[in-house]
């Protein structure tokens, strides 16, 4: 039997690997995709929404146009880079 990383669904040979995992009681965990927000400032805060995590201040690099929150993985994209990243 081969080992697979459950967080990367792209490597599953669906449906065979999924069926095999379900049969053994090792169903892959299903997690929601991180949120993406379009913002109009390069310095923004994130608190995960409704008390999700401590508020952190993030700086969007001018050369990339986006940043990810280290707590919730929410991706903030500056409006000037929308559709480019």
PDB file of N, CA and C in Angstrom:
ATOM      1  N   UNK A   1       0.852  -1.179   0.000  1.00  0.00           N
ATOM      2  CA  UNK A   1       0.000   0.000   0.000  1.00  0.00           C
ATOM      3  C   UNK A   1       0.890   1.232   0.000  1.00  0.00           C
ATOM      4  N   UNK A   2       0.509   2.245  -0.756  1.00  0.00           N
ATOM      5  CA  UNK A   2       1.315   3.457  -0.812  1.00  0.00           C
ATOM      6  C   UNK A   2       0.770   4.510   0.139  1.00  0.00           C
ATOM      7  N   UNK A   3       1.672   5.361   0.621  1.00  0.00           N
ATOM      8  CA  UNK A   3       1.284   6.442   1.511  1.00  0.00           C
ATOM      9  C   UNK A   3       0.910   7.665   0.691  1.00  0.00           C
ATOM     10  N   UNK A   4      -0.131   8.375   1.118  1.00  0.00           N
ATOM     11  CA  UNK A   4      -0.507   9.597   0.437  1.00  0.00           C
ATOM     12  C   UNK A   4      -0.721  10.687   1.464  1.00  0.00           C
ATOM     13  N   UNK A   5      -0.503  11.939   1.039  1.00  0.00           N
ATOM     14  CA  UNK A   5      -0.765  13.086   1.904  1.00  0.00           C
ATOM     15  C   UNK A   5      -2.219  13.465   1.730  1.00  0.00           C
ATOM     16  N   UNK A   6      -2.976  13.442   2.812  1.00  0.00           N
ATOM     17  CA  UNK A   6      -4.408  13.686   2.724  1.00  0.00           C
ATOM     18  C   UNK A   6      -4.752  15.146   2.490  1.00  0.00           C
ATOM     19  N   UNK A   7      -3.838  16.069   2.766  1.00  0.00           N
ATOM     20  CA  UNK A   7      -4.141  17.488   2.580  1.00  0.00           C
ATOM     21  C   UNK A   7      -4.005  17.911   1.125  1.00  0.00           C
ATOM     22  N   UNK A   8      -3.481  17.036   0.271  1.00  0.00           N
ATOM     23  CA  UNK A   8      -3.291  17.380  -1.133  1.00  0.00           C
ATOM     24  C   UNK A   8      -4.168  16.474  -1.996  1.00  0.00           C
ATOM     25  N   UNK A   9      -5.434  16.860  -2.242  1.00  0.00           N
ATOM     26  CA  UNK A   9      -6.339  15.980  -2.981  1.00  0.00           C
ATOM     27  C   UNK A   9      -5.917  15.757  -4.426  1.00  0.00           C
ATOM     28  N   UNK A  10      -5.023  16.569  -4.951  1.00  0.00           N
ATOM     29  CA  UNK A  10      -4.604  16.416  -6.331  1.00  0.00           C
ATOM     30  C   UNK A  10      -3.834  15.123  -6.562  1.00  0.00           C
ATOM     31  N   UNK A  11      -3.267  14.526  -5.510  1.00  0.00           N
ATOM     32  CA  UNK A  11      -2.480  13.316  -5.708  1.00  0.00           C
ATOM     33  C   UNK A  11      -3.300  12.051  -5.530  1.00  0.00           C
ATOM     34  N   UNK A  12      -4.577  12.183  -5.209  1.00  0.00           N
ATOM     35  CA  UNK A  12      -5.426  11.005  -5.067  1.00  0.00           C
ATOM     36  C   UNK A  12      -5.788  10.463  -6.441  1.00  0.00           C
ATOM     37  N   UNK A  13      -5.718   9.154  -6.604  1.00  0.00           N
ATOM     38  CA  UNK A  13      -6.202   8.514  -7.813  1.00  0.00           C
ATOM     39  C   UNK A  13      -7.671   8.194  -7.604  1.00  0.00           C
ATOM     40  N   UNK A  14      -8.474   9.229  -7.536  1.00  0.00           N
ATOM     41  CA  UNK A  14      -9.906   9.051  -7.259  1.00  0.00           C
ATOM     42  C   UNK A  14     -10.525   8.235  -8.380  1.00  0.00           C
ATOM     43  N   UNK A  15     -11.472   7.375  -8.101  1.00  0.00           N
ATOM     44  CA  UNK A  15     -12.022   7.117  -6.773  1.00  0.00           C
ATOM     45  C   UNK A  15     -11.310   6.000  -6.019  1.00  0.00           C
ATOM     46  N   UNK A  16     -10.331   5.324  -6.622  1.00  0.00           N
ATOM     47  CA  UNK A  16      -9.725   4.151  -5.998  1.00  0.00           C
ATOM     48  C   UNK A  16      -9.088   4.428  -4.646  1.00  0.00           C
ATOM     49  N   UNK A  17      -8.272   5.489  -4.532  1.00  0.00           N
ATOM     50  CA  UNK A  17      -7.621   5.787  -3.261  1.00  0.00           C
ATOM     51  C   UNK A  17      -8.640   6.188  -2.197  1.00  0.00           C
ATOM     52  N   UNK A  18      -9.649   6.954  -2.592  1.00  0.00           N
ATOM     53  CA  UNK A  18     -10.660   7.383  -1.632  1.00  0.00           C
ATOM     54  C   UNK A  18     -11.445   6.186  -1.128  1.00  0.00           C
ATOM     55  N   UNK A  19     -11.826   5.297  -2.027  1.00  0.00           N
ATOM     56  CA  UNK A  19     -12.559   4.093  -1.626  1.00  0.00           C
ATOM     57  C   UNK A  19     -11.715   3.257  -0.682  1.00  0.00           C
ATOM     58  N   UNK A  20     -10.429   3.116  -0.985  1.00  0.00           N
ATOM     59  CA  UNK A  20      -9.538   2.340  -0.122  1.00  0.00           C
ATOM     60  C   UNK A  20      -9.429   2.968   1.259  1.00  0.00           C
ATOM     61  N   UNK A  21      -9.309   4.292   1.306  1.00  0.00           N
ATOM     62  CA  UNK A  21      -9.218   4.975   2.594  1.00  0.00           C
ATOM     63  C   UNK A  21     -10.514   4.838   3.384  1.00  0.00           C
ATOM     64  N   UNK A  22     -11.654   4.980   2.733  1.00  0.00           N
ATOM     65  CA  UNK A  22     -12.934   4.848   3.417  1.00  0.00           C
ATOM     66  C   UNK A  22     -13.121   3.436   3.959  1.00  0.00           C
ATOM     67  N   UNK A  23     -12.706   2.449   3.193  1.00  0.00           N
ATOM     68  CA  UNK A  23     -12.860   1.065   3.621  1.00  0.00           C
ATOM     69  C   UNK A  23     -12.038   0.773   4.866  1.00  0.00           C
ATOM     70  N   UNK A  24     -10.925   1.461   5.030  1.00  0.00           N
ATOM     71  CA  UNK A  24     -10.064   1.235   6.190  1.00  0.00           C
ATOM     72  C   UNK A  24     -10.381   2.191   7.330  1.00  0.00           C
ATOM     73  N   UNK A  25     -11.393   3.041   7.170  1.00  0.00           N
ATOM     74  CA  UNK A  25     -11.751   3.985   8.225  1.00  0.00           C
ATOM     75  C   UNK A  25     -10.831   5.186   8.288  1.00  0.00           C
ATOM     76  N   UNK A  26     -10.091   5.455   7.226  1.00  0.00           N
ATOM     77  CA  UNK A  26      -9.155   6.582   7.192  1.00  0.00           C
ATOM     78  C   UNK A  26      -9.590   7.604   6.145  1.00  0.00           C
ATOM     79  N   UNK A  27     -10.804   8.071   6.247  1.00  0.00           N
ATOM     80  CA  UNK A  27     -11.325   9.025   5.259  1.00  0.00           C
ATOM     81  C   UNK A  27     -10.518  10.315   5.298  1.00  0.00           C
ATOM     82  N   UNK A  28     -10.261  10.903   4.120  1.00  0.00           N
ATOM     83  CA  UNK A  28      -9.540  12.174   4.104  1.00  0.00           C
ATOM     84  C   UNK A  28     -10.351  13.263   4.798  1.00  0.00           C
ATOM     85  N   UNK A  29      -9.635  14.165   5.482  1.00  0.00           N
ATOM     86  CA  UNK A  29     -10.295  15.278   6.138  1.00  0.00           C
ATOM     87  C   UNK A  29     -10.686  16.310   5.084  1.00  0.00           C
ATOM     88  N   UNK A  30     -11.881  16.801   5.174  1.00  0.00           N
ATOM     89  CA  UNK A  30     -12.339  17.820   4.245  1.00  0.00           C
ATOM     90  C   UNK A  30     -12.289  19.161   4.972  1.00  0.00           C
ATOM     91  N   UNK A  31     -11.497  20.075   4.445  1.00  0.00           N
ATOM     92  CA  UNK A  31     -11.391  21.404   5.044  1.00  0.00           C
ATOM     93  C   UNK A  31     -11.813  22.437   4.017  1.00  0.00           C
ATOM     94  N   UNK A  32     -12.403  23.506   4.496  1.00  0.00           N
ATOM     95  CA  UNK A  32     -12.800  24.580   3.608  1.00  0.00           C
ATOM     96  C   UNK A  32     -11.566  25.280   3.063  1.00  0.00           C
ATOM     97  N   UNK A  33     -11.667  25.735   1.821  1.00  0.00           N
ATOM     98  CA  UNK A  33     -10.578  26.497   1.230  1.00  0.00           C
ATOM     99  C   UNK A  33     -10.452  27.833   1.971  1.00  0.00           C
ATOM    100  N   UNK A  34      -9.236  28.310   2.163  1.00  0.00           N
ATOM    101  CA  UNK A  34      -9.064  29.600   2.828  1.00  0.00           C
ATOM    102  C   UNK A  34      -9.776  30.715   2.055  1.00  0.00           C
ATOM    103  N   UNK A  35     -10.240  31.698   2.791  1.00  0.00           N
ATOM    104  CA  UNK A  35     -10.947  32.827   2.205  1.00  0.00           C
ATOM    105  C   UNK A  35      -9.979  33.726   1.442  1.00  0.00           C
ATOM    106  N   UNK A  36     -10.460  34.361   0.392  1.00  0.00           N
ATOM    107  CA  UNK A  36      -9.689  35.356  -0.351  1.00  0.00           C
ATOM    108  C   UNK A  36     -10.448  36.667  -0.305  1.00  0.00           C
ATOM    109  N   UNK A  37      -9.741  37.749   0.040  1.00  0.00           N
ATOM    110  CA  UNK A  37     -10.363  39.073   0.118  1.00  0.00           C
ATOM    111  C   UNK A  37      -9.601  40.046  -0.760  1.00  0.00           C
ATOM    112  N   UNK A  38     -10.342  40.912  -1.447  1.00  0.00           N
ATOM    113  CA  UNK A  38      -9.744  42.005  -2.202  1.00  0.00           C
ATOM    114  C   UNK A  38      -9.776  43.226  -1.287  1.00  0.00           C
ATOM    115  N   UNK A  39      -8.619  43.844  -1.083  1.00  0.00           N
ATOM    116  CA  UNK A  39      -8.509  44.978  -0.159  1.00  0.00           C
ATOM    117  C   UNK A  39      -7.953  46.192  -0.903  1.00  0.00           C
ATOM    118  N   UNK A  40      -8.163  47.388  -0.315  1.00  0.00           N
ATOM    119  CA  UNK A  40      -7.705  48.607  -0.984  1.00  0.00           C
ATOM    120  C   UNK A  40      -6.528  49.283  -0.300  1.00  0.00           C
ATOM    121  N   UNK A  41      -5.981  48.645   0.741  1.00  0.00           N
ATOM    122  CA  UNK A  41      -4.809  49.180   1.439  1.00  0.00           C
ATOM    123  C   UNK A  41      -3.706  48.124   1.459  1.00  0.00           C
ATOM    124  N   UNK A  42      -2.459  48.584   1.561  1.00  0.00           N
ATOM    125  CA  UNK A  42      -1.340  47.650   1.615  1.00  0.00           C
ATOM    126  C   UNK A  42      -1.057  47.183   3.047  1.00  0.00           C
ATOM    127  N   UNK A  43      -1.570  47.898   4.045  1.00  0.00           N
ATOM    128  CA  UNK A  43      -1.441  47.464   5.446  1.00  0.00           C
ATOM    129  C   UNK A  43      -2.844  47.154   5.944  1.00  0.00           C
ATOM    130  N   UNK A  44      -3.063  45.889   6.296  1.00  0.00           N
ATOM    131  CA  UNK A  44      -4.398  45.451   6.671  1.00  0.00           C
ATOM    132  C   UNK A  44      -4.321  44.588   7.932  1.00  0.00           C
ATOM    133  N   UNK A  45      -5.474  44.421   8.569  1.00  0.00           N
ATOM    134  CA  UNK A  45      -5.525  43.571   9.757  1.00  0.00           C
ATOM    135  C   UNK A  45      -6.422  42.369   9.469  1.00  0.00           C
ATOM    136  N   UNK A  46      -6.191  41.311  10.216  1.00  0.00           N
ATOM    137  CA  UNK A  46      -7.018  40.107  10.118  1.00  0.00           C
ATOM    138  C   UNK A  46      -7.229  39.574  11.532  1.00  0.00           C
ATOM    139  N   UNK A  47      -8.483  39.254  11.846  1.00  0.00           N
ATOM    140  CA  UNK A  47      -8.775  38.649  13.154  1.00  0.00           C
ATOM    141  C   UNK A  47      -9.518  37.325  13.004  1.00  0.00           C
ATOM    142  N   UNK A  48      -9.579  36.820  11.785  1.00  0.00           N
ATOM    143  CA  UNK A  48     -10.227  35.544  11.550  1.00  0.00           C
ATOM    144  C   UNK A  48     -11.742  35.620  11.538  1.00  0.00           C
ATOM    145  N   UNK A  49     -12.308  36.783  11.808  1.00  0.00           N
ATOM    146  CA  UNK A  49     -13.757  36.936  11.803  1.00  0.00           C
ATOM    147  C   UNK A  49     -14.408  36.301  13.013  1.00  0.00           C
ATOM    148  N   UNK A  50     -15.233  37.026  13.682  1.00  0.00           N
ATOM    149  CA  UNK A  50     -15.996  36.543  14.839  1.00  0.00           C
ATOM    150  C   UNK A  50     -15.122  35.837  15.876  1.00  0.00           C
ATOM    151  N   UNK A  51     -14.025  36.469  16.237  1.00  0.00           N
ATOM    152  CA  UNK A  51     -13.154  35.922  17.278  1.00  0.00           C
ATOM    153  C   UNK A  51     -12.367  34.703  16.852  1.00  0.00           C
ATOM    154  N   UNK A  52     -12.057  34.596  15.572  1.00  0.00           N
ATOM    155  CA  UNK A  52     -11.352  33.423  15.055  1.00  0.00           C
ATOM    156  C   UNK A  52      -9.919  33.290  15.550  1.00  0.00           C
ATOM    157  N   UNK A  53      -9.212  34.404  15.697  1.00  0.00           N
ATOM    158  CA  UNK A  53      -7.836  34.389  16.199  1.00  0.00           C
ATOM    159  C   UNK A  53      -7.465  35.809  16.615  1.00  0.00           C
ATOM    160  N   UNK A  54      -6.338  35.985  17.283  1.00  0.00           N
ATOM    161  CA  UNK A  54      -5.921  37.346  17.669  1.00  0.00           C
ATOM    162  C   UNK A  54      -5.730  38.223  16.428  1.00  0.00           C
ATOM    163  N   UNK A  55      -6.037  39.497  16.554  1.00  0.00           N
ATOM    164  CA  UNK A  55      -5.853  40.414  15.423  1.00  0.00           C
ATOM    165  C   UNK A  55      -4.364  40.568  15.133  1.00  0.00           C
ATOM    166  N   UNK A  56      -4.038  40.431  13.859  1.00  0.00           N
ATOM    167  CA  UNK A  56      -2.661  40.641  13.399  1.00  0.00           C
ATOM    168  C   UNK A  56      -2.689  41.684  12.290  1.00  0.00           C
ATOM    169  N   UNK A  57      -1.610  42.465  12.202  1.00  0.00           N
ATOM    170  CA  UNK A  57      -1.465  43.450  11.139  1.00  0.00           C
ATOM    171  C   UNK A  57      -0.512  42.896  10.106  1.00  0.00           C
ATOM    172  N   UNK A  58      -0.911  42.969   8.857  1.00  0.00           N
ATOM    173  CA  UNK A  58      -0.137  42.398   7.760  1.00  0.00           C
ATOM    174  C   UNK A  58       0.192  43.482   6.743  1.00  0.00           C
ATOM    175  N   UNK A  59       1.375  43.375   6.161  1.00  0.00           N
ATOM    176  CA  UNK A  59       1.821  44.308   5.125  1.00  0.00           C
ATOM    177  C   UNK A  59       1.867  43.566   3.797  1.00  0.00           C
ATOM    178  N   UNK A  60       1.132  44.048   2.819  1.00  0.00           N
ATOM    179  CA  UNK A  60       1.152  43.439   1.488  1.00  0.00           C
ATOM    180  C   UNK A  60       2.366  43.991   0.747  1.00  0.00           C
ATOM    181  N   UNK A  61       3.284  43.112   0.316  1.00  0.00           N
ATOM    182  CA  UNK A  61       4.464  43.592  -0.423  1.00  0.00           C
ATOM    183  C   UNK A  61       4.053  44.206  -1.769  1.00  0.00           C
ATOM    184  N   UNK A  62       4.636  45.331  -2.105  1.00  0.00           N
ATOM    185  CA  UNK A  62       4.311  46.015  -3.367  1.00  0.00           C
ATOM    186  C   UNK A  62       4.626  45.155  -4.585  1.00  0.00           C
ATOM    187  N   UNK A  63       5.651  44.323  -4.503  1.00  0.00           N
ATOM    188  CA  UNK A  63       6.045  43.526  -5.670  1.00  0.00           C
ATOM    189  C   UNK A  63       5.146  42.312  -5.891  1.00  0.00           C
ATOM    190  N   UNK A  64       4.478  41.806  -4.838  1.00  0.00           N
ATOM    191  CA  UNK A  64       3.627  40.621  -4.981  1.00  0.00           C
ATOM    192  C   UNK A  64       2.146  40.960  -5.050  1.00  0.00           C
ATOM    193  N   UNK A  65       1.731  41.933  -4.262  1.00  0.00           N
ATOM    194  CA  UNK A  65       0.341  42.351  -4.261  1.00  0.00           C
ATOM    195  C   UNK A  65      -0.586  41.507  -3.406  1.00  0.00           C
ATOM    196  N   UNK A  66      -0.040  40.593  -2.620  1.00  0.00           N
ATOM    197  CA  UNK A  66      -0.879  39.763  -1.752  1.00  0.00           C
ATOM    198  C   UNK A  66      -0.103  39.291  -0.538  1.00  0.00           C
ATOM    199  N   UNK A  67      -0.846  38.877   0.478  1.00  0.00           N
ATOM    200  CA  UNK A  67      -0.259  38.323   1.693  1.00  0.00           C
ATOM    201  C   UNK A  67      -1.261  37.333   2.272  1.00  0.00           C
ATOM    202  N   UNK A  68      -0.759  36.324   2.984  1.00  0.00           N
ATOM    203  CA  UNK A  68      -1.630  35.358   3.655  1.00  0.00           C
ATOM    204  C   UNK A  68      -1.513  35.518   5.160  1.00  0.00           C
ATOM    205  N   UNK A  69      -2.634  35.412   5.840  1.00  0.00           N
ATOM    206  CA  UNK A  69      -2.652  35.477   7.298  1.00  0.00           C
ATOM    207  C   UNK A  69      -1.997  34.215   7.852  1.00  0.00           C
ATOM    208  N   UNK A  70      -1.062  34.366   8.793  1.00  0.00           N
ATOM    209  CA  UNK A  70      -0.393  33.185   9.347  1.00  0.00           C
ATOM    210  C   UNK A  70      -1.308  32.332  10.238  1.00  0.00           C
ATOM    211  N   UNK A  71      -2.434  32.875  10.673  1.00  0.00           N
ATOM    212  CA  UNK A  71      -3.362  32.112  11.512  1.00  0.00           C
ATOM    213  C   UNK A  71      -4.398  31.344  10.687  1.00  0.00           C
ATOM    214  N   UNK A  72      -5.125  32.059   9.821  1.00  0.00           N
ATOM    215  CA  UNK A  72      -6.266  31.436   9.138  1.00  0.00           C
ATOM    216  C   UNK A  72      -6.030  31.199   7.647  1.00  0.00           C
ATOM    217  N   UNK A  73      -4.867  31.572   7.139  1.00  0.00           N
ATOM    218  CA  UNK A  73      -4.506  31.392   5.731  1.00  0.00           C
ATOM    219  C   UNK A  73      -5.350  32.207   4.759  1.00  0.00           C
ATOM    220  N   UNK A  74      -6.118  33.165   5.278  1.00  0.00           N
ATOM    221  CA  UNK A  74      -6.894  34.039   4.401  1.00  0.00           C
ATOM    222  C   UNK A  74      -5.914  34.808   3.506  1.00  0.00           C
ATOM    223  N   UNK A  75      -6.206  34.842   2.226  1.00  0.00           N
ATOM    224  CA  UNK A  75      -5.330  35.529   1.279  1.00  0.00           C
ATOM    225  C   UNK A  75      -5.907  36.906   0.985  1.00  0.00           C
ATOM    226  N   UNK A  76      -5.139  37.949   1.282  1.00  0.00           N
ATOM    227  CA  UNK A  76      -5.542  39.319   1.016  1.00  0.00           C
ATOM    228  C   UNK A  76      -4.822  39.793  -0.237  1.00  0.00           C
ATOM    229  N   UNK A  77      -5.594  40.204  -1.240  1.00  0.00           N
ATOM    230  CA  UNK A  77      -5.043  40.671  -2.510  1.00  0.00           C
ATOM    231  C   UNK A  77      -5.385  42.149  -2.664  1.00  0.00           C
ATOM    232  N   UNK A  78      -4.360  42.952  -2.924  1.00  0.00           N
ATOM    233  CA  UNK A  78      -4.601  44.381  -3.145  1.00  0.00           C
ATOM    234  C   UNK A  78      -5.361  44.550  -4.456  1.00  0.00           C
ATOM    235  N   UNK A  79      -6.291  45.501  -4.487  1.00  0.00           N
ATOM    236  CA  UNK A  79      -7.161  45.701  -5.653  1.00  0.00           C
ATOM    237  C   UNK A  79      -6.396  45.960  -6.940  1.00  0.00           C
ATOM    238  N   UNK A  80      -5.189  46.531  -6.840  1.00  0.00           N
ATOM    239  CA  UNK A  80      -4.367  46.770  -8.044  1.00  0.00           C
ATOM    240  C   UNK A  80      -3.837  45.477  -8.639  1.00  0.00           C
ATOM    241  N   UNK A  81      -3.851  44.383  -7.873  1.00  0.00           N
ATOM    242  CA  UNK A  81      -3.325  43.102  -8.334  1.00  0.00           C
ATOM    243  C   UNK A  81      -4.434  42.074  -8.574  1.00  0.00           C
ATOM    244  N   UNK A  82      -5.689  42.489  -8.450  1.00  0.00           N
ATOM    245  CA  UNK A  82      -6.806  41.575  -8.655  1.00  0.00           C
ATOM    246  C   UNK A  82      -6.768  40.999 -10.078  1.00  0.00           C
ATOM    247  N   UNK A  83      -6.871  39.697 -10.180  1.00  0.00           N
ATOM    248  CA  UNK A  83      -6.809  39.041 -11.480  1.00  0.00           C
ATOM    249  C   UNK A  83      -5.404  38.766 -11.985  1.00  0.00           C
ATOM    250  N   UNK A  84      -4.386  39.228 -11.269  1.00  0.00           N
ATOM    251  CA  UNK A  84      -2.994  39.032 -11.672  1.00  0.00           C
ATOM    252  C   UNK A  84      -2.287  37.972 -10.839  1.00  0.00           C
ATOM    253  N   UNK A  85      -2.870  37.651  -9.681  1.00  0.00           N
ATOM    254  CA  UNK A  85      -2.238  36.643  -8.800  1.00  0.00           C
ATOM    255  C   UNK A  85      -3.151  35.451  -8.639  1.00  0.00           C
TER     256      UNK A  85
END
